[in-house]
Every structure is written in structure tokens, then in C-alpha cells.
Protein backbone atom coordinates (compact mmCIF):
# COMPACT_ATOMS: atom_id res chain seq x y z
CA MET A 1 -6.45 -7.95 -18.22
CA LYS A 2 -6.35 -9.33 -14.67
CA GLU A 3 -9.45 -11.14 -13.45
CA ASN A 4 -10.65 -10.36 -9.91
CA THR A 5 -10.55 -13.70 -8.08
CA GLU A 6 -11.33 -12.59 -4.52
CA LEU A 7 -13.79 -14.98 -2.91
CA LEU A 8 -14.85 -12.60 -0.16
CA GLN A 9 -16.28 -9.11 -0.43
CA PHE A 10 -14.92 -7.04 2.46
CA PRO A 11 -16.10 -6.09 5.00
CA CYS A 12 -18.04 -9.29 5.69
CA PRO A 13 -19.07 -11.47 8.64
CA TYR A 14 -16.40 -14.13 9.09
CA PRO A 15 -16.49 -17.24 11.32
CA LEU A 16 -13.04 -18.46 12.35
CA LYS A 17 -12.69 -21.80 14.14
CA VAL A 18 -9.70 -22.57 16.35
CA LEU A 19 -8.97 -25.96 17.92
CA GLY A 20 -6.64 -26.65 20.81
CA LYS A 21 -6.12 -28.63 23.97
CA ASN A 22 -8.70 -28.01 26.69
CA THR A 23 -6.67 -25.75 28.99
CA LYS A 24 -7.57 -22.69 31.04
CA GLU A 25 -5.26 -20.51 28.96
CA PHE A 26 -6.59 -21.49 25.53
CA LEU A 27 -9.67 -19.24 25.47
CA ALA A 28 -7.83 -16.19 26.80
CA VAL A 29 -4.90 -16.58 24.40
CA VAL A 30 -7.05 -17.13 21.31
CA SER A 31 -9.48 -14.30 22.07
CA GLY A 32 -6.54 -11.98 22.80
CA ILE A 33 -4.90 -12.73 19.46
CA ILE A 34 -8.14 -12.24 17.53
CA GLU A 35 -9.17 -9.04 19.31
CA LYS A 36 -5.74 -7.51 18.71
CA HIS A 37 -6.52 -7.53 14.98
CA ILE A 38 -10.12 -6.27 15.17
CA VAL A 39 -10.83 -2.65 14.28
CA GLU A 40 -11.69 -0.32 17.14
CA GLY A 41 -15.36 -0.64 17.98
CA GLY A 42 -15.53 -4.02 16.26
CA HIS A 43 -17.54 -6.79 17.86
CA VAL A 44 -16.57 -10.45 18.20
CA THR A 45 -18.92 -13.22 19.29
CA TYR A 46 -17.53 -16.48 20.62
CA SER A 47 -18.91 -19.97 20.96
CA THR A 48 -17.06 -22.94 22.40
CA ARG A 49 -17.41 -26.69 22.38
CA VAL A 50 -15.53 -29.34 24.32
CA SER A 51 -14.74 -32.67 22.64
CA SER A 52 -16.54 -35.80 23.82
CA GLY A 53 -13.44 -36.93 25.70
CA GLU A 54 -12.96 -33.41 27.13
CA LYS A 55 -9.36 -33.37 25.87
CA TYR A 56 -9.86 -30.72 23.16
CA LEU A 57 -11.69 -27.42 22.88
CA SER A 58 -12.93 -25.61 19.79
CA MET A 59 -13.71 -21.92 19.70
CA THR A 60 -15.55 -20.17 16.90
CA ALA A 61 -15.06 -16.41 16.71
CA THR A 62 -17.35 -14.47 14.39
CA PHE A 63 -16.46 -10.90 13.47
CA ASP A 64 -16.61 -8.46 10.56
CA ALA A 65 -13.45 -9.09 8.56
CA GLN A 66 -12.10 -5.94 6.95
CA SER A 67 -9.55 -7.39 4.50
CA GLN A 68 -7.64 -10.47 3.41
CA THR A 69 -4.56 -8.93 5.02
CA GLN A 70 -6.34 -8.84 8.38
CA LEU A 71 -7.42 -12.49 8.07
CA THR A 72 -3.93 -13.59 7.05
CA ALA A 73 -2.39 -11.82 10.06
CA ILE A 74 -4.85 -13.49 12.46
CA TYR A 75 -4.32 -16.96 10.98
CA GLU A 76 -0.53 -16.58 10.99
CA GLU A 77 -0.41 -15.50 14.63
CA LEU A 78 -2.80 -18.24 15.75
CA ASN A 79 -1.03 -21.00 13.83
CA VAL A 80 2.36 -20.36 15.43
CA HIS A 81 1.01 -20.38 19.00
CA GLU A 82 1.81 -23.55 20.94
CA LEU A 83 -1.74 -23.91 22.34
CA VAL A 84 -3.36 -23.88 18.89
CA LEU A 85 -3.57 -27.23 17.10
CA MET A 86 -5.58 -26.18 14.04
CA THR A 87 -7.45 -23.25 12.50
CA LEU A 88 -10.31 -23.41 10.02
């Protein structure tokens, strides 16, 4: 018998944090990647914060995640982009 070990029950609200260098392109690139994977009619809210030295920028995107497959695809695409330093 296989035990169900999923930690999330989909769909569910999901906050995804992305950190990168504080550039003009960062916000547009990250939001574009995330929105590409959101179901039609889905809503994403964004909040941003600049580091104290103004060198780095963090963006938190909150959306209704539909599946682990969707989250994996978003994380994989973000993590290979040159402007993204870290995802949480």
C-alpha cells in the first residue's frame, strides 16, 4: 500500500519568492515566466522589496497553484534564467 505523502492539497494559494539583481528587466521577466504557467483567468498578486543596499530585489508572487507539476515547471524555468539568483 502506497502512502499519500503530498504536502499540499491542490488547488491552493501559493506564495513564491524570487530573488535577483535589482534591474529594470527582473520584474518583467519573472512575472512573464510565472504568468505563462497560470491557468486562464487565474490571478497573481505581486509584492516587491529592494535590499538595504539596493543591489538586490525580491518579488513574491501569490497565486492559486493547480498541481505539483505546475509548480515544478515554474521553478525550473525561473532557476535557469540568468537574472534569477534564488527561488524560495
